[in-house]
Structure formats: C-alpha cells, structure tokens
C-alpha cells in the first residue's frame, strides 16, 4: 500500500508491507522508532517476545505526549511492567498492529502532536 502524507515537519511513513516500512521514501526492514520531532533510530528488537523494559525506558526519554506501539502483524499488548517509565512520566501508550500504528502516527503527526511511533517489523 502506498500512502500520501500530509505536510509535516518530521518523518512520515510513506509506505508499508509485511516486514517493511518506508519513512520519507526510504525502506526499512528492522524495527525502529520515529518521532514527529524528527528523531529516528533502530529499536533493536526483532520480535515481540524480545521486548524488555529498557526498550520502553528509552521511549520515555523522548519529548512525547503519546507513544504509538506497533506490535507487528498481530495486535499484542506488552506487559504493564514494561511500560512503567512511560506511565511515570504521564506519556500515553496506544497499542495496535504495525500497519495501523503507521496510519495513526501519520495522522497525529500531521496535526502537530508530540507523537512517537515504536514499530516492530
């Protein structure tokens, strides 16, 4: 599926498919984090079962009001103890499959929201 983004200042998801996502036209095949403020980095997590508290702790250090967690091809919810650092800083977390997370991130970023997408591929 090819997406056509609204004008935003930060990175935008421009396409996705099984096992990949395109950010501003550049294709990625490994899990990553992107922020509407322009940050982007590898998330170093190959699958849902590999997630640890440190993965989410790093997200809590970002300037965000909301984290959109894309759990892969299926909707899987992380354990509450993994999200403690986000909750402590009053950062909201929404979980959805990765394709839905891409669409939601684009929509919120286009509104100027302080949103982060953490995407498992």
Foldseek 3Di string as FASTA:
>chain_A
DADDFDDADEWAFGDDDAQWTAIVRRIDRAWWKTWSVHDIDGLPAQAQVRDALVSQLVVLPDPAQEEEEAREQAWDDDDPVSNVSCVVSNRYYHTDHQVVSNVVRRVCSSVVHGYMYGHHD
